[in-house]
Protein backbone atom coordinates (compact mmCIF):
# COMPACT_ATOMS: atom_id res chain seq x y z
CA MET A 1 7.00 -15.09 2.55
CA THR A 2 11.09 -14.29 1.94
CA GLU A 3 13.40 -13.88 4.17
CA HIS A 4 13.61 -10.23 3.71
CA PHE A 5 9.82 -9.99 4.17
CA TRP A 6 10.35 -7.60 7.60
CA LEU A 7 13.88 -5.76 5.49
CA GLY A 8 11.30 -5.13 2.32
CA ILE A 9 7.94 -3.80 4.27
CA GLY A 10 10.51 -1.08 6.18
CA VAL A 11 11.97 -0.45 2.61
CA ILE A 12 8.73 0.48 1.73
CA LEU A 13 7.46 2.39 5.30
CA LEU A 14 10.56 4.72 5.04
CA SER A 15 9.44 5.47 0.55
CA GLY A 16 6.29 6.10 2.24
CA ALA A 17 7.00 8.71 4.86
CA LEU A 18 9.96 10.40 1.72
CA ASN A 19 6.76 10.56 -0.67
CA GLY A 20 4.44 11.88 2.08
CA SER A 21 6.36 14.33 2.60
CA PHE A 22 7.58 15.75 -0.54
CA PRO A 23 5.61 18.65 -0.96
CA LEU A 24 6.97 19.92 2.50
CA PRO A 25 9.60 22.78 1.41
CA MET A 26 7.52 24.21 -0.81
CA LYS A 27 5.69 25.79 2.45
CA TYR A 28 9.33 27.04 2.66
CA ALA A 29 9.43 29.27 -0.66
CA ARG A 30 8.95 32.77 0.50
CA VAL A 31 10.10 34.70 -2.78
CA TRP A 32 8.63 31.64 -5.44
CA ARG A 33 5.48 31.89 -6.59
CA TRP A 34 3.99 28.41 -6.74
CA GLU A 35 4.52 27.73 -10.73
CA ASN A 36 7.70 28.57 -10.16
CA THR A 37 9.03 26.03 -7.29
CA TRP A 38 6.27 23.71 -9.48
CA LEU A 39 8.30 23.85 -12.25
CA VAL A 40 12.18 22.71 -10.90
CA PHE A 41 10.35 19.63 -9.04
CA ALA A 42 9.11 18.46 -11.95
CA LEU A 43 12.38 19.05 -14.28
CA THR A 44 14.32 17.65 -11.02
CA ALA A 45 11.83 14.56 -10.24
CA LEU A 46 9.98 13.96 -14.07
CA LEU A 47 12.87 14.75 -17.21
CA ILE A 48 16.00 14.83 -15.14
CA LEU A 49 16.62 12.35 -12.81
CA PRO A 50 14.71 9.39 -14.37
CA CYS A 51 16.87 9.91 -17.89
CA LEU A 52 20.54 10.00 -15.50
CA LEU A 53 18.97 6.97 -13.75
CA ALA A 54 17.90 5.09 -16.86
CA VAL A 55 21.52 6.29 -18.44
CA GLY A 56 23.50 4.95 -14.93
CA PHE A 57 21.96 2.21 -14.37
CA VAL A 58 20.35 0.33 -17.73
CA PRO A 59 22.92 -0.77 -19.99
CA ASN A 60 22.18 -0.05 -23.75
CA PHE A 61 18.49 1.57 -22.21
CA VAL A 62 18.30 3.65 -25.90
CA GLU A 63 18.72 0.56 -27.46
CA VAL A 64 16.04 -0.72 -26.00
CA TYR A 65 13.89 1.52 -27.93
CA ARG A 66 14.97 0.44 -30.49
CA GLU A 67 14.41 -2.37 -30.31
CA VAL A 68 10.66 -3.55 -29.12
CA PRO A 69 7.77 -1.94 -31.20
CA GLY A 70 6.76 1.49 -31.60
CA ARG A 71 3.00 0.21 -30.11
CA VAL A 72 5.20 -1.20 -27.11
CA LEU A 73 6.60 2.44 -26.62
CA LEU A 74 3.52 4.26 -27.05
CA TYR A 75 1.70 2.74 -24.25
CA PRO A 76 3.28 3.88 -20.94
CA LEU A 77 4.04 7.79 -23.56
CA LEU A 78 0.69 8.31 -23.21
CA PHE A 79 -0.68 6.98 -20.02
CA GLY A 80 2.52 9.11 -18.35
CA PHE A 81 0.75 12.15 -20.14
CA LEU A 82 -2.55 11.65 -18.95
CA TRP A 83 -1.18 10.90 -15.16
CA GLY A 84 1.31 13.99 -16.21
CA ILE A 85 -2.60 15.97 -16.15
CA ALA A 86 -3.52 14.65 -12.90
CA GLN A 87 0.25 15.33 -10.94
CA THR A 88 0.20 18.75 -12.49
CA THR A 89 -3.24 19.27 -10.47
CA PHE A 90 -2.56 17.18 -7.58
CA GLY A 91 -0.17 20.26 -7.14
CA VAL A 92 -2.87 22.39 -7.32
CA GLY A 93 -5.01 20.28 -5.19
CA LEU A 94 -1.82 20.67 -2.34
CA LYS A 95 -1.14 24.95 -2.70
CA ALA A 96 -5.73 24.66 -2.10
CA LEU A 97 -5.86 22.21 0.55
CA GLY A 98 -3.05 21.62 2.22
CA MET A 99 -0.58 18.68 2.74
CA ALA A 100 -2.70 16.80 5.04
CA LEU A 101 -6.59 16.60 3.18
CA ALA A 102 -4.95 16.31 -0.23
CA PHE A 103 -2.82 13.47 0.34
CA SER A 104 -5.56 11.21 1.72
CA VAL A 105 -7.65 12.63 -0.63
CA VAL A 106 -5.62 11.67 -3.72
CA SER A 107 -3.66 8.64 -1.78
CA GLY A 108 -7.21 6.76 -0.86
CA LEU A 109 -8.89 6.79 -4.03
CA GLY A 110 -5.56 6.42 -5.71
CA ALA A 111 -4.99 2.98 -4.60
CA LEU A 112 -8.76 2.36 -4.55
CA VAL A 113 -9.02 3.29 -8.58
CA GLY A 114 -5.60 1.63 -9.58
CA SER A 115 -6.88 -1.76 -7.98
CA LEU A 116 -9.84 -2.27 -9.81
CA LEU A 117 -9.17 -0.33 -12.61
CA PRO A 118 -6.55 -3.32 -13.53
CA LEU A 119 -8.73 -5.66 -12.60
CA LEU A 120 -11.81 -5.19 -14.39
CA ILE A 121 -9.33 -4.76 -18.05
CA GLN A 122 -7.87 -8.12 -17.51
CA ASP A 123 -10.40 -10.10 -16.30
CA ALA A 124 -14.23 -8.90 -14.49
CA SER A 125 -15.48 -12.01 -12.71
CA ASP A 126 -12.69 -11.57 -10.66
CA LEU A 127 -14.60 -9.68 -8.44
CA THR A 128 -17.11 -12.53 -7.21
CA ARG A 129 -13.50 -13.86 -6.05
CA PRO A 130 -11.62 -13.11 -2.47
CA LYS A 131 -9.88 -9.96 -4.77
CA GLY A 132 -12.81 -8.81 -5.51
CA LEU A 133 -15.06 -8.89 -3.05
CA PHE A 134 -11.80 -7.34 -0.44
CA LEU A 135 -11.85 -4.76 -3.27
CA LEU A 136 -15.62 -3.74 -2.97
CA ALA A 137 -14.90 -3.94 0.42
CA SER A 138 -12.87 -1.26 0.28
CA ILE A 139 -15.43 0.97 -0.76
CA PRO A 140 -17.46 2.11 1.14
CA ILE A 141 -15.81 2.07 3.64
CA LEU A 142 -12.81 5.10 2.08
CA LEU A 143 -16.40 6.44 1.09
CA ALA A 144 -16.87 7.05 4.73
CA GLY A 145 -13.79 8.39 5.07
CA LEU A 146 -13.63 11.46 2.78
CA TYR A 147 -16.54 11.71 3.49
CA LEU A 148 -15.26 12.96 7.53
CA TYR A 149 -12.12 14.27 5.48
CA ALA A 150 -14.66 16.61 3.90
CA ARG A 151 -16.57 17.45 7.27
CA ALA A 152 -13.60 18.23 9.11
CA GLY A 153 -11.75 20.65 5.71
CA ARG A 154 -14.98 22.40 5.90
CA GLU A 155 -14.56 22.90 9.93
CA ARG A 156 -11.26 24.17 9.51
CA GLU A 157 -12.36 26.40 6.25
CA ARG A 158 -14.92 27.74 8.59
CA GLU A 159 -12.83 28.19 11.96
CA GLN A 160 -9.20 29.23 10.12
CA PRO A 161 -8.65 33.01 8.39
CA ALA A 162 -8.43 32.97 4.70
CA ALA A 163 -5.34 32.44 3.05
CA PRO A 164 -4.09 34.35 1.31
CA ALA A 165 -4.42 33.25 -2.81
CA THR A 166 -2.49 32.12 -5.52
CA ALA A 167 -2.23 32.18 -9.15
CA ALA A 168 -2.54 28.84 -8.82
CA THR A 169 -5.40 28.81 -6.37
CA ALA A 170 -7.00 32.04 -7.11
CA GLY A 171 -11.20 32.36 -6.20
CA MET A 172 -10.51 28.36 -4.97
CA SER A 173 -13.09 26.98 -2.68
CA PHE A 174 -13.09 23.68 -0.48
CA ALA A 175 -15.23 21.91 -2.36
CA ALA A 176 -13.23 23.09 -5.52
CA GLY A 177 -9.88 21.69 -4.58
CA LEU A 178 -12.18 18.61 -3.38
CA ALA A 179 -13.21 18.64 -5.84
CA ILE A 180 -9.40 18.48 -8.18
CA CYS A 181 -8.98 16.16 -5.89
CA VAL A 182 -11.03 13.81 -6.59
CA PHE A 183 -10.41 13.89 -10.42
CA THR A 184 -5.89 13.68 -8.81
CA GLY A 185 -6.91 10.88 -7.50
CA VAL A 186 -9.27 9.10 -10.41
CA VAL A 187 -6.62 9.78 -13.06
CA GLY A 188 -3.11 9.68 -11.24
CA PRO A 189 -3.19 6.13 -11.62
CA SER A 190 -2.43 6.04 -15.56
CA TRP A 191 1.18 5.64 -14.56
CA ASN A 192 0.46 2.49 -13.37
CA LEU A 193 -1.65 1.46 -16.59
CA GLY A 194 1.37 2.66 -18.28
CA PHE A 195 3.72 0.35 -16.59
CA ALA A 196 1.53 -2.41 -16.60
CA LEU A 197 1.75 -2.69 -20.00
CA SER A 198 5.31 -2.08 -20.26
CA GLY A 199 6.51 -6.13 -19.61
CA ASP A 200 8.35 -6.22 -23.22
CA ILE A 201 10.44 -2.98 -22.28
CA ILE A 202 11.56 -4.63 -18.88
CA ARG A 203 11.97 -8.09 -20.77
CA ARG A 204 14.44 -6.41 -23.64
CA SER A 205 16.83 -4.28 -20.62
CA LEU A 206 16.35 -7.33 -18.82
CA ASP A 207 18.00 -8.97 -22.30
CA LEU A 208 20.45 -6.17 -22.57
CA GLY A 209 22.02 -6.37 -19.17
CA ALA A 210 19.86 -5.33 -16.56
CA THR A 211 19.29 -6.02 -13.11
CA PRO A 212 16.14 -6.78 -12.01
CA VAL A 213 15.49 -4.27 -10.43
CA THR A 214 17.39 -1.97 -12.78
CA SER A 215 15.03 -2.87 -15.02
CA VAL A 216 12.18 -0.76 -14.62
CA TYR A 217 14.47 2.20 -14.77
CA ALA A 218 13.58 1.67 -18.40
CA VAL A 219 10.29 2.22 -18.07
CA TRP A 220 10.46 5.42 -15.66
CA PRO A 221 11.54 8.08 -18.36
CA LEU A 222 9.09 7.33 -20.85
CA ILE A 223 6.22 7.51 -18.19
CA LEU A 224 7.71 11.08 -16.47
CA CYS A 225 9.16 12.61 -19.11
CA ALA A 226 5.93 12.56 -20.78
CA GLY A 227 4.21 13.26 -17.10
CA PHE A 228 6.65 15.85 -17.66
CA ILE A 229 5.27 18.09 -20.59
CA PRO A 230 1.27 18.80 -19.09
CA ASN A 231 3.25 20.28 -15.52
CA LEU A 232 5.88 21.85 -17.86
CA LEU A 233 3.06 23.61 -20.01
CA TYR A 234 -0.01 24.70 -16.53
CA CYS A 235 4.00 26.25 -15.54
CA VAL A 236 4.69 28.21 -18.20
CA TYR A 237 1.07 29.13 -18.94
CA LEU A 238 1.46 30.74 -15.21
CA LEU A 239 4.75 32.05 -15.56
CA VAL A 240 3.88 33.93 -18.36
CA ARG A 241 -0.02 35.17 -17.24
CA GLN A 242 1.25 36.15 -13.29
CA ARG A 243 5.00 37.96 -15.37
CA THR A 244 6.89 35.78 -12.78
CA TRP A 245 9.96 34.30 -14.76
CA ARG A 246 11.59 36.98 -13.56
CA LEU A 247 11.09 35.78 -10.01
CA PHE A 248 14.00 33.07 -11.11
CA ILE A 249 16.96 35.35 -11.81
CA THR A 250 15.91 38.10 -8.07
CA GLN A 251 17.74 37.53 -4.82
CA GLY A 252 17.39 34.62 -2.94
CA CYS A 253 16.84 32.14 -6.01
CA ALA A 254 19.16 29.91 -5.30
CA ARG A 255 16.99 29.16 -1.60
CA GLU A 256 14.48 29.09 -3.58
CA THR A 257 16.25 26.44 -6.20
CA ALA A 258 16.78 24.45 -3.84
CA LEU A 259 13.77 23.94 -1.97
CA GLY A 260 12.81 22.55 -5.79
CA VAL A 261 14.78 20.14 -6.06
CA SER A 262 14.79 18.84 -2.89
CA MET A 263 10.59 17.86 -3.06
CA GLY A 264 12.20 16.62 -6.24
CA LEU A 265 14.32 14.65 -4.71
CA LEU A 266 11.89 13.44 -2.11
CA TRP A 267 9.42 12.61 -4.35
CA LEU A 268 11.51 9.98 -6.13
CA ALA A 269 13.28 8.32 -3.88
CA GLY A 270 9.92 7.34 -2.71
CA ILE A 271 9.14 6.04 -5.73
CA VAL A 272 12.69 4.25 -6.63
CA LEU A 273 12.44 2.96 -2.62
CA TYR A 274 9.14 1.45 -3.09
CA GLY A 275 10.54 -0.40 -6.04
CA TRP A 276 13.16 -1.81 -4.01
CA GLY A 277 11.10 -2.39 -1.32
CA ALA A 278 8.52 -4.16 -3.19
CA THR A 279 11.17 -6.97 -4.54
CA LEU A 280 12.62 -7.69 -0.93
CA VAL A 281 8.20 -8.25 0.05
CA GLY A 282 8.44 -10.76 -2.72
CA ARG A 283 4.68 -11.95 -3.84
CA TYR A 284 3.71 -10.00 -1.18
CA GLY A 285 4.88 -6.97 -1.99
CA THR A 286 2.22 -5.56 -4.50
CA SER A 287 -0.60 -6.07 -1.73
CA VAL A 288 0.27 -6.18 1.91
CA GLY A 289 3.72 -3.97 0.20
CA PHE A 290 1.61 -1.21 -1.13
CA ALA A 291 -0.90 -1.22 2.16
CA ALA A 292 1.84 -0.24 3.49
CA PHE A 293 3.59 2.75 1.15
CA VAL A 294 -0.19 4.31 0.85
CA SER A 295 -1.45 4.79 4.79
CA ALA A 296 2.06 5.09 5.59
CA GLN A 297 2.32 7.89 2.79
CA ILE A 298 -0.66 9.17 4.65
CA LEU A 299 0.49 9.60 7.89
CA ALA A 300 3.28 11.49 6.89
CA SER A 301 1.59 13.76 5.21
CA ASN A 302 -0.81 14.26 7.90
CA ALA A 303 1.48 14.57 10.59
CA LEU A 304 3.72 16.57 8.58
CA GLY A 305 0.97 18.40 7.39
CA ILE A 306 0.10 19.33 11.24
CA LEU A 307 3.26 20.39 12.08
CA ALA A 308 3.53 22.86 9.25
CA GLY A 309 -0.44 24.57 11.14
CA GLU A 310 -2.21 23.24 8.35
CA TRP A 311 -4.59 22.77 11.08
CA LYS A 312 -3.20 25.41 13.74
CA ALA A 313 -6.67 27.32 15.35
CA THR A 314 -9.41 25.19 14.74
CA SER A 315 -11.10 23.31 17.37
CA PRO A 316 -10.80 19.94 19.16
CA HIS A 317 -13.51 18.86 16.68
CA THR A 318 -11.85 19.27 13.78
CA ARG A 319 -8.82 17.08 14.55
CA ARG A 320 -11.24 14.63 15.92
CA LEU A 321 -12.80 14.49 11.80
CA LEU A 322 -9.32 14.38 10.50
CA THR A 323 -8.23 11.63 13.16
CA ALA A 324 -11.37 9.34 12.17
CA GLY A 325 -10.55 10.16 8.71
CA VAL A 326 -7.00 9.24 8.84
CA ALA A 327 -8.12 5.85 10.97
CA VAL A 328 -10.57 5.27 8.40
CA ILE A 329 -8.73 5.63 4.80
CA VAL A 330 -6.37 4.15 6.25
CA VAL A 331 -8.00 0.43 6.92
CA SER A 332 -9.77 1.20 3.53
CA VAL A 333 -6.47 0.52 1.99
CA ILE A 334 -5.78 -2.00 4.31
CA VAL A 335 -8.68 -4.45 3.51
CA LEU A 336 -8.32 -3.32 0.13
CA SER A 337 -4.47 -4.86 0.30
CA LEU A 338 -5.73 -8.40 1.75
CA GLY A 339 -6.95 -9.29 -1.59
CA GLY A 340 -3.52 -9.35 -3.00
CA LEU A 341 -3.11 -12.53 -0.30
CA PHE A 342 -5.72 -14.70 -2.77
C-alpha cells in the first residue's frame, strides 16, 4: 500500500461520481432534441478535449504516432470504433431507461466483461486461480442484481405514466431499452482492450518527454476520436431524419450548448481523474480502485436519477427493489475486484 493510497481512493470516488453524473445536464434540455445535445457532448468529450490534452501534455505527440508501427495504432482505433458504437447505444439506453437503471446495468456488466475478456485472452488458466475464482463468483451476484433491477424497472413502467417518445427512443419498450443497455455493457469495455494493447504508444511518449501520468494522453485521441465516428453518424442520421438541424440556431441554443459541453466536461473529468487516482493507489489501482470507481458511478447515477424524478410516483415496493438491485450490483463489483489483490 502506497503512502498516497487513501488520497488515491478519494480521487477515484470523486471521479466515479463525476462520471456517473454526466447525463444529468441532458435532463434540463428544453429546446434541443436528444441528437442535438448528444452531438455536442460527443464533440466535447470524444474529439476536442482528448486532442487538447494530447497537445498540451504530451511533448511531440505527433512524433509518437510516426515512430510506432502502424499495427500498434490500429488496435486502439479498431477497439475505439467498436466502443463508440456502444457509447452511442448507451446514450439511447439513458434516454429509454433513465440514469439509474442504465448506469447500473452497463457499469455492472462492463466491469465483468472488462475483467473477463483480458483474462481469457492472456491466460485462461487464471480462471482456476484466486483472481478467476473471484470473477466467477461475482457472476451470479451480478445476475441477481440485474434481475432485481429488471423487476424494479418493470414496476416503474407499470406505475408511472408513459413519457413522450423521442426520435432516439420512439416505440421503445422497457425490454428493448434493457436489451440495448445489456449490449452496451458487453461491448463497452472494448476501449479497455484498445488501451491494453497501446503499451508501445505509452512507452514512446515517455521516451519523448511525457510523465507516467500524462503519457496515457497519447492514447486517448486514438480511442476516443475513433469512438466519435459512430456517435457522429447516428446523430447526423437523426438530425436529417427529424430535421432538427435548425435547432442549433434557434433561441436558447447557447444554454443548450452549455448543457452538452458540461456533459462532456463531467465525463472526461471522471476518466482523467480515475487515471490519476489509480496511479496514486499503486498496485491496487485497477482492483480496489476500480471497485471504488464503479461503485461511486452506480451510487451517484442512482442518487441523481432519484433526485431528478426518475422514480417519482413509484411504490415503496418498487423503490425497495431498486435499492436491493443497487446493493447487490455493488457487492458483485467488490467481489470481482477482490481478485485483483492476488
